[in-house]
Protein backbone atom coordinates (compact mmCIF):
# COMPACT_ATOMS: atom_id res chain seq x y z
CA MET A 1 -37.93 23.16 51.94
CA PRO A 2 -39.45 26.43 50.66
CA GLY A 3 -37.06 28.53 52.70
CA THR A 4 -34.06 26.67 51.30
CA ASP A 5 -35.31 27.16 47.72
CA VAL A 6 -35.71 30.89 48.32
CA LYS A 7 -32.16 31.12 49.65
CA LYS A 8 -30.80 29.17 46.66
CA LYS A 9 -32.63 31.45 44.22
CA ALA A 10 -31.37 34.52 46.09
CA GLY A 11 -27.82 33.15 45.93
CA ILE A 12 -28.07 32.45 42.20
CA LEU A 13 -29.47 35.93 41.55
CA ALA A 14 -26.67 37.45 43.63
CA VAL A 15 -24.05 35.59 41.58
CA LEU A 16 -25.68 36.61 38.29
CA GLY A 17 -25.85 40.20 39.51
CA VAL A 18 -22.08 40.51 39.97
CA ILE A 19 -20.87 38.44 36.99
CA GLY A 20 -19.21 40.48 34.29
CA PRO A 21 -16.27 42.70 35.28
CA GLY A 22 -13.81 39.88 35.96
CA ILE A 23 -14.69 37.75 32.94
CA ILE A 24 -14.72 40.72 30.55
CA ALA A 25 -11.41 42.13 31.80
CA ALA A 26 -9.61 38.78 31.64
CA SER A 27 -11.10 37.84 28.25
CA ALA A 28 -10.12 41.20 26.78
CA GLY A 29 -6.54 40.35 27.72
CA ASN A 30 -6.66 37.65 25.04
CA ASP A 31 -6.77 40.38 22.40
CA SER A 32 -5.31 40.32 18.89
CA GLY A 33 -1.85 41.18 20.23
CA GLY A 34 -2.15 38.49 22.86
CA ILE A 35 -3.39 35.87 20.41
CA SER A 36 -0.51 36.77 18.08
CA THR A 37 1.98 36.49 20.94
CA TYR A 38 0.61 33.08 21.99
CA SER A 39 0.54 31.91 18.35
CA VAL A 40 4.16 32.96 17.82
CA ALA A 41 5.16 31.21 21.07
CA GLY A 42 3.63 27.94 19.89
CA ALA A 43 4.94 28.19 16.33
CA ARG A 44 8.52 29.02 17.38
CA TYR A 45 8.93 26.91 20.50
CA GLY A 46 6.16 24.30 20.41
CA TYR A 47 4.90 23.51 23.91
CA THR A 48 8.05 24.90 25.58
CA MET A 49 6.33 27.96 27.08
CA LEU A 50 3.28 26.17 28.52
CA TRP A 51 4.95 25.85 31.94
CA MET A 52 5.24 29.65 32.03
CA MET A 53 1.51 30.00 31.44
CA LEU A 54 0.82 27.61 34.32
CA ALA A 55 3.26 29.47 36.58
CA MET A 56 1.68 32.85 35.73
CA THR A 57 -1.92 31.74 36.38
CA PRO A 58 -1.93 32.12 40.21
CA SER A 59 -0.24 35.53 39.92
CA PHE A 60 -2.72 36.65 37.27
CA ALA A 61 -5.72 35.57 39.35
CA LEU A 62 -4.24 37.23 42.44
CA VAL A 63 -3.53 40.55 40.70
CA GLN A 64 -7.07 40.68 39.29
CA GLU A 65 -8.52 39.77 42.71
CA MET A 66 -6.54 42.55 44.41
CA ALA A 67 -7.76 45.14 41.89
CA GLY A 68 -11.37 44.03 42.27
CA ARG A 69 -11.10 44.00 46.07
CA MET A 70 -9.73 47.56 46.10
CA GLY A 71 -12.71 48.69 44.02
CA ALA A 72 -15.27 46.91 46.21
CA VAL A 73 -13.77 48.24 49.46
CA THR A 74 -13.08 51.84 48.44
CA GLY A 75 -15.66 52.48 45.72
CA LYS A 76 -12.83 54.15 43.76
CA GLY A 77 -10.84 53.27 40.65
CA PHE A 78 -7.15 52.34 40.66
CA ALA A 79 -6.09 55.67 39.14
CA ALA A 80 -7.93 57.66 41.83
CA LEU A 81 -6.23 55.63 44.56
CA ILE A 82 -2.80 56.18 42.96
CA ARG A 83 -3.41 59.94 42.94
CA GLU A 84 -4.55 59.99 46.58
CA ARG A 85 -1.67 57.83 47.81
CA PHE A 86 1.26 59.02 45.66
CA GLY A 87 0.34 62.48 44.41
CA LEU A 88 -0.19 64.11 41.03
CA ARG A 89 3.23 63.64 39.37
CA PRO A 90 3.44 59.81 39.67
CA THR A 91 -0.22 59.66 38.64
CA PHE A 92 0.40 61.81 35.55
CA LEU A 93 3.34 59.57 34.54
CA ALA A 94 1.30 56.41 35.09
CA MET A 95 -1.60 57.81 33.03
CA LEU A 96 0.75 58.88 30.22
CA LEU A 97 2.25 55.39 30.05
CA LEU A 98 -1.19 53.80 30.20
CA LEU A 99 -2.59 56.03 27.43
CA THR A 100 0.45 55.36 25.21
CA SER A 101 0.27 51.62 25.76
CA ASN A 102 -3.51 51.48 25.31
CA ALA A 103 -3.43 53.56 22.13
CA ALA A 104 -0.76 51.29 20.60
CA THR A 105 -2.65 48.19 21.68
CA THR A 106 -5.94 49.54 20.29
CA VAL A 107 -4.17 49.95 16.94
CA ALA A 108 -3.26 46.27 17.26
CA GLU A 109 -6.94 45.41 17.88
CA PHE A 110 -8.02 47.06 14.64
CA ALA A 111 -5.12 45.29 12.93
CA GLY A 112 -6.64 42.06 14.25
CA ILE A 113 -10.07 43.02 12.91
CA ALA A 114 -8.53 43.85 9.52
CA ALA A 115 -6.58 40.55 9.42
CA ALA A 116 -9.61 38.46 10.44
CA MET A 117 -11.94 40.08 7.91
CA GLU A 118 -9.34 39.80 5.12
CA LEU A 119 -9.42 36.04 5.75
CA PHE A 120 -13.12 36.27 4.82
CA GLY A 121 -12.32 38.37 1.74
CA VAL A 122 -13.32 41.78 3.18
CA SER A 123 -10.93 44.71 2.66
CA ARG A 124 -9.69 46.62 5.70
CA LEU A 125 -10.91 49.81 3.99
CA VAL A 126 -14.41 48.48 4.62
CA SER A 127 -14.09 46.41 7.80
CA VAL A 128 -12.09 48.82 9.98
CA PRO A 129 -14.32 51.94 9.62
CA ILE A 130 -17.47 49.84 10.13
CA ALA A 131 -15.97 48.12 13.19
CA ALA A 132 -14.84 51.44 14.69
CA LEU A 133 -18.29 52.97 14.26
CA ALA A 134 -20.06 49.87 15.61
CA VAL A 135 -17.83 49.69 18.70
CA TRP A 136 -18.17 53.43 19.33
CA MET A 137 -21.98 53.31 19.08
CA LEU A 138 -22.22 50.24 21.30
CA VAL A 139 -20.31 51.88 24.13
CA THR A 140 -21.33 55.55 23.87
CA ARG A 141 -25.00 54.94 23.11
CA GLY A 142 -25.66 52.00 25.43
CA SER A 143 -26.22 51.58 29.16
CA TYR A 144 -23.69 49.77 31.36
CA ARG A 145 -25.93 46.67 31.50
CA ASN A 146 -26.36 46.43 27.73
CA VAL A 147 -22.67 47.01 27.03
CA GLU A 148 -21.76 44.37 29.59
CA LYS A 149 -24.12 41.81 27.99
CA ALA A 150 -22.63 42.45 24.54
CA LEU A 151 -19.07 42.10 25.82
CA LEU A 152 -19.91 38.89 27.69
CA ALA A 153 -21.39 37.47 24.47
CA LEU A 154 -18.14 38.26 22.65
CA SER A 155 -16.17 36.61 25.46
CA SER A 156 -18.06 33.34 24.95
CA VAL A 157 -16.66 32.99 21.40
CA PHE A 158 -13.24 32.12 22.86
CA ILE A 159 -14.48 28.52 22.99
CA SER A 160 -13.47 28.42 19.30
CA TYR A 161 -9.79 28.21 20.34
CA VAL A 162 -10.50 25.19 22.51
CA LEU A 163 -12.20 23.46 19.57
CA ALA A 164 -9.32 24.40 17.24
CA ALA A 165 -6.83 22.77 19.63
CA PHE A 166 -8.77 19.48 19.60
CA LEU A 167 -8.98 19.59 15.79
CA ALA A 168 -5.16 19.86 15.75
CA ARG A 169 -4.94 16.47 17.58
CA PRO A 170 -1.96 17.16 19.87
CA ASP A 171 -0.07 14.56 21.87
CA TRP A 172 -1.77 15.27 25.20
CA GLY A 173 0.87 13.37 27.13
CA GLU A 174 3.57 15.66 25.76
CA VAL A 175 1.36 18.67 26.45
CA ALA A 176 0.94 17.58 30.08
CA ARG A 177 4.72 17.10 30.49
CA SER A 178 5.39 20.58 29.08
CA PHE A 179 3.13 22.15 31.71
CA VAL A 180 5.27 20.75 34.54
CA THR A 181 8.75 20.74 32.95
CA PRO A 182 10.41 24.17 33.03
CA HIS A 183 12.66 24.90 30.06
CA ILE A 184 14.37 28.15 29.06
CA VAL A 185 16.03 28.92 25.74
CA PRO A 186 18.88 31.39 26.54
CA THR A 187 18.32 33.74 23.61
CA GLN A 188 17.22 37.36 23.33
CA ALA A 189 14.21 36.36 21.22
CA PHE A 190 13.02 33.85 23.85
CA ILE A 191 13.40 36.31 26.74
CA ALA A 192 11.61 39.06 24.78
CA LEU A 193 8.78 36.67 24.02
CA ALA A 194 8.62 35.62 27.69
CA ILE A 195 8.22 39.28 28.66
CA GLY A 196 5.58 39.62 25.95
CA LEU A 197 3.71 36.62 27.37
CA THR A 198 3.80 38.18 30.82
CA GLY A 199 2.75 41.57 29.49
CA THR A 200 -0.24 40.21 27.61
CA THR A 201 -1.27 37.69 30.29
CA ILE A 202 -1.10 40.16 33.19
CA ALA A 203 -1.64 43.31 31.12
CA PRO A 204 -1.37 46.53 33.17
CA TRP A 205 -4.60 48.01 31.79
CA MET A 206 -6.60 45.00 33.00
CA GLN A 207 -6.23 46.05 36.63
CA PHE A 208 -7.60 49.50 35.84
CA LEU A 209 -10.46 47.94 33.89
CA VAL A 210 -11.64 45.36 36.41
CA GLN A 211 -11.50 47.87 39.27
CA SER A 212 -13.37 50.55 37.29
CA ASN A 213 -16.02 48.04 36.23
CA ILE A 214 -16.49 46.86 39.82
CA VAL A 215 -17.05 50.49 40.85
CA ASP A 216 -19.27 51.33 37.86
CA LYS A 217 -21.39 48.23 38.48
CA GLY A 218 -21.90 49.33 42.09
CA THR A 219 -20.40 46.20 43.66
CA THR A 220 -19.58 46.78 47.33
CA ILE A 221 -17.71 44.69 49.86
CA LYS A 222 -21.03 43.03 50.79
CA GLU A 223 -21.24 41.46 47.31
CA TRP A 224 -17.49 40.88 47.01
CA GLY A 225 -17.73 37.23 48.09
CA TYR A 226 -19.64 36.50 44.86
CA ALA A 227 -17.82 39.03 42.65
CA ARG A 228 -14.49 37.57 43.72
CA TRP A 229 -15.34 34.32 41.96
CA ASP A 230 -16.21 36.21 38.79
CA VAL A 231 -12.73 37.75 38.84
CA ILE A 232 -10.88 34.51 39.65
CA VAL A 233 -12.82 32.30 37.21
CA GLY A 234 -12.33 34.96 34.50
CA ALA A 235 -8.57 34.86 35.02
CA LEU A 236 -8.39 31.06 35.03
CA SER A 237 -10.54 30.66 31.90
CA ALA A 238 -8.62 33.35 29.99
CA ASN A 239 -5.29 31.64 30.70
CA LEU A 240 -6.78 28.28 29.72
CA VAL A 241 -7.79 29.73 26.34
CA ALA A 242 -4.26 31.14 25.91
CA CYS A 243 -2.81 27.68 26.54
CA PHE A 244 -5.07 26.17 23.88
CA ILE A 245 -3.81 28.74 21.37
CA ILE A 246 -0.20 27.74 22.12
CA ILE A 247 -1.16 24.05 21.90
CA THR A 248 -2.81 24.56 18.48
CA THR A 249 0.11 26.35 16.84
CA GLY A 250 2.65 24.23 18.72
CA THR A 251 1.01 21.06 17.36
CA VAL A 252 0.49 22.15 13.76
CA LEU A 253 3.00 24.87 12.87
CA HIS A 254 6.08 24.14 15.00
CA PRO A 255 6.77 20.61 13.67
CA ALA A 256 6.35 21.92 10.11
CA GLY A 257 8.88 24.70 10.75
CA ILE A 258 6.35 27.36 9.73
CA THR A 259 7.30 30.87 10.91
CA ILE A 260 4.52 33.35 11.59
CA GLN A 261 4.32 36.94 12.76
CA ASP A 262 0.70 37.24 13.85
CA ALA A 263 -2.60 35.42 14.44
CA GLY A 264 -3.82 36.08 10.89
CA GLU A 265 -0.83 34.22 9.46
CA ALA A 266 -1.42 31.46 11.99
CA ALA A 267 -5.02 31.02 10.82
CA ARG A 268 -3.97 30.85 7.15
CA ALA A 269 -1.18 28.40 7.92
CA LEU A 270 -3.51 26.08 9.84
CA ALA A 271 -5.82 25.43 6.86
CA PRO A 272 -3.62 23.09 4.78
CA LEU A 273 -2.29 21.26 7.84
CA ALA A 274 -5.26 21.05 10.24
CA GLY A 275 -8.15 21.64 7.86
CA PRO A 276 -10.44 24.57 6.96
CA TYR A 277 -12.44 24.27 10.17
CA ALA A 278 -9.35 25.02 12.27
CA GLU A 279 -8.71 28.11 10.15
CA LEU A 280 -12.35 29.20 10.49
CA LEU A 281 -12.38 28.75 14.27
CA PHE A 282 -9.09 30.60 14.64
CA SER A 283 -10.36 33.45 12.43
CA VAL A 284 -13.68 33.78 14.28
CA GLY A 285 -11.85 33.83 17.60
CA LEU A 286 -9.45 36.51 16.34
CA LEU A 287 -12.32 38.69 15.10
CA SER A 288 -14.32 38.41 18.33
CA ALA A 289 -11.25 39.00 20.49
CA SER A 290 -10.27 42.06 18.49
CA VAL A 291 -13.76 43.61 18.62
CA LEU A 292 -14.02 42.93 22.36
CA SER A 293 -10.66 44.52 23.11
CA ALA A 294 -11.20 47.42 20.69
CA ALA A 295 -14.22 48.31 22.83
CA VAL A 296 -12.53 47.70 26.17
CA LEU A 297 -9.05 49.22 25.81
CA PRO A 298 -10.10 52.83 25.03
CA LEU A 299 -12.69 52.45 27.79
CA THR A 300 -9.93 51.58 30.26
CA ALA A 301 -7.87 54.65 29.33
CA SER A 302 -10.94 56.91 29.57
CA TYR A 303 -11.91 55.55 32.99
CA ALA A 304 -8.38 55.74 34.40
CA ILE A 305 -7.54 59.24 33.19
CA CYS A 306 -10.87 60.68 34.33
CA GLU A 307 -10.53 58.98 37.73
CA ALA A 308 -6.96 60.25 38.08
CA PHE A 309 -7.96 63.89 37.61
CA GLY A 310 -11.39 63.80 39.24
CA TRP A 311 -13.47 64.14 36.08
CA GLU A 312 -16.90 62.54 35.64
CA ALA A 313 -16.77 59.06 34.10
CA GLY A 314 -19.12 56.16 33.43
CA LEU A 315 -20.97 54.32 30.68
CA ASP A 316 -24.28 55.73 31.88
CA ARG A 317 -23.01 59.33 31.73
CA SER A 318 -24.08 61.54 28.83
CA TRP A 319 -21.73 63.73 26.77
CA SER A 320 -22.81 66.80 28.74
CA ASP A 321 -22.20 65.01 32.08
CA ALA A 322 -18.86 63.42 31.15
CA PRO A 323 -17.33 65.23 28.14
CA ALA A 324 -13.73 64.18 28.90
CA PHE A 325 -14.69 60.51 29.34
CA ASN A 326 -16.65 60.32 26.09
CA GLY A 327 -14.16 62.52 24.23
CA LEU A 328 -11.15 60.39 25.19
CA TYR A 329 -12.96 57.20 24.22
CA THR A 330 -13.96 58.62 20.85
CA PHE A 331 -10.47 59.95 20.12
CA VAL A 332 -8.67 56.66 20.87
CA ILE A 333 -11.17 54.59 18.86
CA PHE A 334 -11.09 56.63 15.68
CA ALA A 335 -7.40 57.58 15.84
CA ALA A 336 -6.44 53.89 16.16
CA ALA A 337 -8.75 52.93 13.29
CA ALA A 338 -7.26 55.69 11.12
CA VAL A 339 -3.72 54.41 11.73
CA ILE A 340 -4.68 50.99 10.33
CA LEU A 341 -5.66 52.61 7.02
CA VAL A 342 -2.14 54.07 6.53
CA PRO A 343 -0.48 52.17 3.61
CA ARG A 344 2.55 49.94 4.25
CA LEU A 345 2.46 50.43 8.01
CA ASP A 346 4.34 47.76 10.01
CA LEU A 347 1.39 46.54 12.07
CA ILE A 348 3.27 43.49 13.35
CA ALA A 349 5.88 45.68 15.01
CA ILE A 350 3.18 47.80 16.69
CA MET A 351 1.40 44.68 17.91
CA LEU A 352 4.41 42.89 19.39
CA VAL A 353 6.07 46.02 20.81
CA SER A 354 2.83 46.93 22.63
CA GLN A 355 2.96 43.58 24.44
CA VAL A 356 6.60 44.06 25.47
CA VAL A 357 5.81 47.61 26.67
CA ASN A 358 3.04 46.16 28.81
CA GLY A 359 5.54 43.71 30.32
CA VAL A 360 7.97 46.52 31.15
CA MET A 361 5.20 48.72 32.64
CA LEU A 362 3.67 45.98 34.76
CA PRO A 363 6.05 45.94 37.78
CA PHE A 364 5.73 49.70 38.33
CA LEU A 365 1.92 49.56 38.46
CA LEU A 366 2.01 46.44 40.63
CA ILE A 367 4.26 48.23 43.14
CA PHE A 368 1.61 50.97 43.40
CA MET A 369 -1.03 48.28 43.91
CA MET A 370 0.93 46.42 46.58
CA VAL A 371 1.52 49.59 48.60
CA ILE A 372 -2.14 50.66 48.43
CA ILE A 373 -3.67 47.27 49.19
CA ASN A 374 -1.50 46.89 52.30
CA ASP A 375 -2.47 50.34 53.63
CA ARG A 376 -4.99 49.82 56.46
CA ARG A 377 -6.09 53.45 56.20
CA VAL A 378 -7.40 52.63 52.72
CA MET A 379 -8.36 48.95 52.96
CA GLY A 380 -9.19 48.50 56.65
CA ARG A 381 -9.31 44.81 57.53
CA TYR A 382 -9.29 43.85 53.83
CA VAL A 383 -5.53 44.31 53.40
CA ASN A 384 -3.53 41.51 51.76
CA SER A 385 -2.76 38.27 53.54
CA ARG A 386 0.87 37.21 53.91
CA LEU A 387 0.44 34.60 51.13
CA ASN A 388 -1.00 37.21 48.76
CA ASN A 389 1.97 39.47 49.44
CA VAL A 390 4.42 36.64 48.69
CA PHE A 391 2.76 35.98 45.31
CA GLY A 392 2.48 39.69 44.52
CA TRP A 393 6.09 40.60 45.23
CA THR A 394 7.34 37.41 43.54
CA THR A 395 5.50 38.45 40.35
CA ILE A 396 7.13 41.88 40.47
CA VAL A 397 10.63 40.42 41.01
CA VAL A 398 10.23 37.91 38.14
CA VAL A 399 9.05 40.57 35.67
CA ILE A 400 11.86 42.96 36.64
CA THR A 401 14.41 40.11 36.33
CA LEU A 402 13.16 39.24 32.83
CA THR A 403 13.30 42.89 31.77
CA VAL A 404 16.84 43.38 33.11
CA ALA A 405 17.92 40.15 31.39
CA LEU A 406 16.55 41.36 28.06
CA LEU A 407 18.28 44.74 28.40
CA ALA A 408 21.58 43.06 29.33
CA MET A 409 21.40 40.64 26.41
CA THR A 410 20.59 43.48 24.03
CA THR A 411 23.49 45.59 25.33
CA LEU A 412 25.96 42.69 25.14
CA GLY A 413 24.71 41.66 21.69
CA ILE A 414 23.68 38.19 22.79
CA GLY A 415 21.28 36.73 20.18
């Protein structure tokens, strides 16, 4: 029927029109720090932590959905809503924590770029300045649509980690059992890594990013039915990629007793055991992930801080229209790149600590989110369902419990 065809085409165009914010935000969470954290998890503990990834997936999808829904309903970013609901002081503290975390994580992204390019024989003295300039020009000189297309293209390269996992030839039966068999190693290192996994899987900055992108794209509650799937599918696919990273290193490096500190070491270690193609795929994935997140993380801080204090923000805004937005973005990009060029800097510590900091920050920002999204004055009839609230508060309690456990073990000297 002609009328049916027209409706199908309209539906497809509507879906294509809202795709982007959810997939980009979730993919950017698999950044160089995240890939390093997942690689370390697989190398140290094999498939032991896969059940955690499965358990975190519904919470991750829910948190991203809540952030996107707040943006579609209110037309405002997360930072602006925090300021309106809680006042200036809590907002200032939240923005300070976010800027600190994002700056440290952006340093980790350029560390990932440097590590990936060094695997191809290119010095960081060359690769990092070129990458910083390319990322800066892409974002500050492009329109929202063009930037979104470029970031979506980078997101598609994560398929390389899926291919690398199949090249590693894991025991899929054992992998499946690990997904459904909870196991905890009662050590400080394991708990710290569990917090790191949580912090990089449900990274605090991702909620700011997806909500800001929903607003910047102009998605309203009328289009939310389609945009919601973009957010949920983005979360599910990002966590699936993370699981494949753990499977790859858990299959190849853990049985060999190979200890690694980051994704670059993981790629190098894979070559003699899983072949050069596994190393190449891992390296390409690391480079793409690092470039994607190096573009996105400073963008998140710029959006959030400008929203918090009522300054103009947006990818389509010129320097004269949004000087604070463009200035913040430029500062974080080039300051982070400059740090990477400092000799003998402990980049691994910066990378892993940034993930743990994200895990510690997460419950505080989620509490803000849960209060706002259940406020009918803000959300109207789009407040959380009872099931959403159960998942949301459970996530907060679990993260706080892990953090308290780590602090207690550190204080008592438990290894």
